[in-house]
């Protein structure tokens, strides 16, 4: 994933925030928080994971499927945008 190096710090920051969210779930479980609170925390974790995944998938599409210099049979930009929209919709 050499192309991720360009956005490495941004991705690391997102993962670090995600770690904080997971820690919050652990604290909630340890303190016997209510189901509603635990579910809310889990939902934020799932959203954060999906956000990171969508970002990496989008970068992969733009780098490996659309770039005609790296891939002579590359998708056109419109097809890539449509695929990215589907990924973002699925990962919401």
N, C-alpha and C. Protein backbone atom coordinates (compact mmCIF):
# COMPACT_ATOMS: atom_id res chain seq x y z
N UNK A 1 0.83 -1.18 0.00
CA UNK A 1 0.00 0.00 0.00
C UNK A 1 0.87 1.25 0.00
N UNK A 2 1.75 1.34 -0.94
CA UNK A 2 2.67 2.48 -0.97
C UNK A 2 1.94 3.80 -1.15
N UNK A 3 0.80 3.79 -1.82
CA UNK A 3 0.06 5.03 -2.03
C UNK A 3 -0.53 5.57 -0.75
N UNK A 4 -0.71 4.72 0.26
CA UNK A 4 -1.26 5.17 1.54
C UNK A 4 -0.26 6.02 2.30
N UNK A 5 1.02 5.89 1.98
CA UNK A 5 2.05 6.64 2.68
C UNK A 5 1.77 8.13 2.60
N UNK A 6 1.21 8.58 1.47
CA UNK A 6 0.91 10.00 1.30
C UNK A 6 -0.09 10.47 2.36
N UNK A 7 -1.03 9.64 2.72
CA UNK A 7 -2.06 9.99 3.70
C UNK A 7 -1.85 9.27 5.03
N UNK A 8 -0.63 8.83 5.26
CA UNK A 8 -0.34 8.01 6.43
C UNK A 8 -0.75 8.70 7.72
N UNK A 9 -0.37 9.96 7.91
CA UNK A 9 -0.67 10.64 9.17
C UNK A 9 -2.17 10.79 9.38
N UNK A 10 -2.89 11.10 8.30
CA UNK A 10 -4.33 11.25 8.42
C UNK A 10 -4.98 9.93 8.83
N UNK A 11 -4.54 8.83 8.22
CA UNK A 11 -5.08 7.53 8.56
C UNK A 11 -4.70 7.12 9.99
N UNK A 12 -3.47 7.38 10.37
CA UNK A 12 -3.04 7.07 11.75
C UNK A 12 -3.85 7.85 12.78
N UNK A 13 -4.14 9.11 12.48
CA UNK A 13 -4.95 9.91 13.40
C UNK A 13 -6.35 9.31 13.54
N UNK A 14 -6.92 8.86 12.43
CA UNK A 14 -8.25 8.25 12.49
C UNK A 14 -8.22 6.96 13.31
N UNK A 15 -7.17 6.16 13.13
CA UNK A 15 -7.05 4.90 13.87
C UNK A 15 -6.86 5.19 15.36
N UNK A 16 -6.12 6.22 15.68
CA UNK A 16 -5.92 6.57 17.09
C UNK A 16 -7.23 7.03 17.73
N UNK A 17 -8.03 7.79 16.99
CA UNK A 17 -9.35 8.17 17.52
C UNK A 17 -10.21 6.92 17.70
N UNK A 18 -10.11 6.00 16.77
CA UNK A 18 -10.86 4.74 16.86
C UNK A 18 -10.44 3.97 18.11
N UNK A 19 -9.16 3.94 18.39
CA UNK A 19 -8.67 3.27 19.60
C UNK A 19 -9.31 3.90 20.83
N UNK A 20 -9.42 5.22 20.85
CA UNK A 20 -10.07 5.90 21.96
C UNK A 20 -11.53 5.50 22.09
N UNK A 21 -12.19 5.33 20.96
CA UNK A 21 -13.59 4.90 20.99
C UNK A 21 -13.72 3.48 21.53
N UNK A 22 -12.82 2.61 21.13
CA UNK A 22 -12.83 1.23 21.64
C UNK A 22 -12.57 1.23 23.14
N UNK A 23 -11.63 2.07 23.58
CA UNK A 23 -11.36 2.18 25.02
C UNK A 23 -12.61 2.64 25.77
N UNK A 24 -13.39 3.53 25.17
CA UNK A 24 -14.63 4.00 25.80
C UNK A 24 -15.63 2.86 25.94
N UNK A 25 -15.68 1.97 24.96
CA UNK A 25 -16.56 0.80 25.05
C UNK A 25 -16.12 -0.07 26.22
N UNK A 26 -14.83 -0.29 26.32
CA UNK A 26 -14.31 -1.11 27.43
C UNK A 26 -14.66 -0.50 28.78
N UNK A 27 -14.45 0.81 28.90
CA UNK A 27 -14.77 1.49 30.17
C UNK A 27 -16.27 1.38 30.49
N UNK A 28 -17.10 1.52 29.46
CA UNK A 28 -18.55 1.42 29.67
C UNK A 28 -18.93 0.03 30.15
N UNK A 29 -18.32 -0.98 29.56
CA UNK A 29 -18.63 -2.35 29.98
C UNK A 29 -18.13 -2.61 31.40
N UNK A 30 -16.94 -2.11 31.70
CA UNK A 30 -16.40 -2.30 33.05
C UNK A 30 -17.24 -1.61 34.10
N UNK A 31 -17.81 -0.47 33.76
CA UNK A 31 -18.61 0.27 34.75
C UNK A 31 -20.09 -0.12 34.70
N UNK A 32 -20.37 -1.16 33.92
CA UNK A 32 -21.72 -1.69 33.80
C UNK A 32 -22.71 -0.62 33.33
N UNK A 33 -22.29 0.13 32.32
CA UNK A 33 -23.17 1.14 31.72
C UNK A 33 -24.37 0.45 31.09
N UNK A 34 -25.40 1.22 30.85
CA UNK A 34 -26.61 0.66 30.26
C UNK A 34 -26.41 0.21 28.83
N UNK A 35 -27.31 -0.66 28.39
CA UNK A 35 -27.23 -1.20 27.03
C UNK A 35 -27.26 -0.10 25.98
N UNK A 36 -28.09 0.90 26.21
CA UNK A 36 -28.21 1.99 25.24
C UNK A 36 -26.88 2.70 25.04
N UNK A 37 -26.19 2.98 26.13
CA UNK A 37 -24.90 3.65 26.04
C UNK A 37 -23.86 2.77 25.34
N UNK A 38 -23.82 1.50 25.68
CA UNK A 38 -22.86 0.59 25.05
C UNK A 38 -23.15 0.48 23.55
N UNK A 39 -24.40 0.35 23.20
CA UNK A 39 -24.77 0.27 21.78
C UNK A 39 -24.40 1.55 21.03
N UNK A 40 -24.61 2.70 21.67
CA UNK A 40 -24.23 3.97 21.04
C UNK A 40 -22.73 4.01 20.79
N UNK A 41 -21.96 3.59 21.78
CA UNK A 41 -20.50 3.58 21.63
C UNK A 41 -20.05 2.61 20.54
N UNK A 42 -20.69 1.45 20.50
CA UNK A 42 -20.35 0.47 19.46
C UNK A 42 -20.69 1.00 18.06
N UNK A 43 -21.79 1.72 17.97
CA UNK A 43 -22.18 2.30 16.69
C UNK A 43 -21.15 3.32 16.20
N UNK A 44 -20.63 4.12 17.13
CA UNK A 44 -19.61 5.09 16.72
C UNK A 44 -18.34 4.39 16.26
N UNK A 45 -18.00 3.27 16.90
CA UNK A 45 -16.82 2.49 16.49
C UNK A 45 -17.01 1.93 15.09
N UNK A 46 -18.20 1.37 14.86
CA UNK A 46 -18.47 0.80 13.54
C UNK A 46 -18.39 1.88 12.46
N UNK A 47 -18.94 3.06 12.75
CA UNK A 47 -18.86 4.16 11.80
C UNK A 47 -17.43 4.58 11.52
N UNK A 48 -16.61 4.61 12.57
CA UNK A 48 -15.21 5.00 12.40
C UNK A 48 -14.44 3.98 11.56
N UNK A 49 -14.68 2.71 11.82
CA UNK A 49 -14.02 1.66 11.03
C UNK A 49 -14.45 1.75 9.57
N UNK A 50 -15.75 1.92 9.34
CA UNK A 50 -16.24 2.04 7.97
C UNK A 50 -15.66 3.26 7.27
N UNK A 51 -15.48 4.35 8.01
CA UNK A 51 -14.88 5.55 7.43
C UNK A 51 -13.45 5.32 6.98
N UNK A 52 -12.67 4.67 7.81
CA UNK A 52 -11.27 4.36 7.45
C UNK A 52 -11.25 3.41 6.25
N UNK A 53 -12.11 2.41 6.29
CA UNK A 53 -12.15 1.45 5.18
C UNK A 53 -12.54 2.14 3.88
N UNK A 54 -13.54 3.00 3.91
CA UNK A 54 -13.97 3.71 2.71
C UNK A 54 -12.85 4.57 2.15
N UNK A 55 -12.10 5.21 3.03
CA UNK A 55 -11.00 6.06 2.58
C UNK A 55 -9.90 5.24 1.89
N UNK A 56 -9.56 4.09 2.47
CA UNK A 56 -8.52 3.24 1.88
C UNK A 56 -9.01 2.65 0.55
N UNK A 57 -10.28 2.22 0.50
CA UNK A 57 -10.82 1.67 -0.75
C UNK A 57 -10.86 2.75 -1.83
N UNK A 58 -11.30 3.96 -1.47
CA UNK A 58 -11.34 5.04 -2.45
C UNK A 58 -9.94 5.33 -2.99
N UNK A 59 -8.96 5.38 -2.11
CA UNK A 59 -7.58 5.63 -2.55
C UNK A 59 -7.11 4.51 -3.47
N UNK A 60 -7.46 3.28 -3.15
CA UNK A 60 -7.09 2.14 -3.99
C UNK A 60 -7.71 2.28 -5.37
N UNK A 61 -8.97 2.63 -5.42
CA UNK A 61 -9.65 2.78 -6.72
C UNK A 61 -8.98 3.87 -7.54
N UNK A 62 -8.76 5.01 -6.92
CA UNK A 62 -8.17 6.14 -7.66
C UNK A 62 -6.73 5.85 -8.09
N UNK A 63 -6.00 5.10 -7.28
CA UNK A 63 -4.59 4.83 -7.59
C UNK A 63 -4.42 3.67 -8.55
N UNK A 64 -5.16 2.58 -8.34
CA UNK A 64 -4.90 1.36 -9.10
C UNK A 64 -5.88 1.10 -10.23
N UNK A 65 -7.06 1.69 -10.17
CA UNK A 65 -8.05 1.40 -11.20
C UNK A 65 -8.26 2.55 -12.18
N UNK A 66 -7.95 3.77 -11.78
CA UNK A 66 -8.25 4.92 -12.61
C UNK A 66 -7.02 5.54 -13.25
N UNK A 67 -5.89 5.41 -12.63
CA UNK A 67 -4.67 6.06 -13.12
C UNK A 67 -4.16 5.37 -14.38
N UNK A 68 -4.33 6.00 -15.56
CA UNK A 68 -3.92 5.36 -16.81
C UNK A 68 -2.41 5.17 -16.94
N UNK A 69 -1.63 5.94 -16.22
CA UNK A 69 -0.18 5.76 -16.27
C UNK A 69 0.24 4.45 -15.61
N UNK A 70 -0.45 4.09 -14.52
CA UNK A 70 -0.12 2.86 -13.81
C UNK A 70 -0.90 1.66 -14.33
N UNK A 71 -2.04 1.92 -14.93
CA UNK A 71 -2.90 0.85 -15.42
C UNK A 71 -3.46 1.25 -16.78
N UNK A 72 -2.84 0.77 -17.87
CA UNK A 72 -3.27 1.17 -19.21
C UNK A 72 -4.75 0.86 -19.50
N UNK A 73 -5.33 -0.13 -18.86
CA UNK A 73 -6.73 -0.46 -19.07
C UNK A 73 -7.62 0.15 -18.00
N UNK A 74 -7.24 1.32 -17.49
CA UNK A 74 -7.92 1.94 -16.36
C UNK A 74 -9.37 2.29 -16.65
N UNK A 75 -10.17 2.29 -15.60
CA UNK A 75 -11.55 2.75 -15.70
C UNK A 75 -11.55 4.24 -16.03
N UNK A 76 -12.63 4.70 -16.62
CA UNK A 76 -12.72 6.14 -16.80
C UNK A 76 -13.11 6.78 -15.48
N UNK A 77 -12.93 8.07 -15.38
CA UNK A 77 -13.16 8.77 -14.12
C UNK A 77 -14.61 8.67 -13.67
N UNK A 78 -15.56 8.71 -14.60
CA UNK A 78 -16.97 8.61 -14.23
C UNK A 78 -17.28 7.25 -13.60
N UNK A 79 -16.74 6.19 -14.18
CA UNK A 79 -16.96 4.85 -13.63
C UNK A 79 -16.37 4.75 -12.24
N UNK A 80 -15.20 5.34 -12.05
CA UNK A 80 -14.56 5.31 -10.73
C UNK A 80 -15.39 6.08 -9.72
N UNK A 81 -15.90 7.24 -10.10
CA UNK A 81 -16.73 8.03 -9.19
C UNK A 81 -17.98 7.27 -8.79
N UNK A 82 -18.58 6.56 -9.74
CA UNK A 82 -19.78 5.77 -9.44
C UNK A 82 -19.44 4.65 -8.47
N UNK A 83 -18.32 3.99 -8.69
CA UNK A 83 -17.89 2.91 -7.79
C UNK A 83 -17.61 3.45 -6.39
N UNK A 84 -16.97 4.58 -6.31
CA UNK A 84 -16.66 5.19 -5.01
C UNK A 84 -17.95 5.57 -4.29
N UNK A 85 -18.93 6.10 -5.02
CA UNK A 85 -20.23 6.42 -4.42
C UNK A 85 -20.88 5.18 -3.82
N UNK A 86 -20.79 4.06 -4.54
CA UNK A 86 -21.36 2.80 -4.04
C UNK A 86 -20.65 2.37 -2.77
N UNK A 87 -19.33 2.46 -2.77
CA UNK A 87 -18.55 2.08 -1.58
C UNK A 87 -18.94 2.93 -0.38
N UNK A 88 -19.03 4.25 -0.59
CA UNK A 88 -19.40 5.14 0.51
C UNK A 88 -20.82 4.85 1.01
N UNK A 89 -21.72 4.57 0.10
CA UNK A 89 -23.10 4.23 0.49
C UNK A 89 -23.12 2.95 1.30
N UNK A 90 -22.40 1.95 0.85
CA UNK A 90 -22.39 0.66 1.52
C UNK A 90 -21.76 0.75 2.92
N UNK A 91 -20.75 1.57 3.05
CA UNK A 91 -20.00 1.65 4.31
C UNK A 91 -20.53 2.70 5.28
N UNK A 92 -21.69 3.28 4.99
CA UNK A 92 -22.28 4.24 5.94
C UNK A 92 -22.85 3.53 7.12
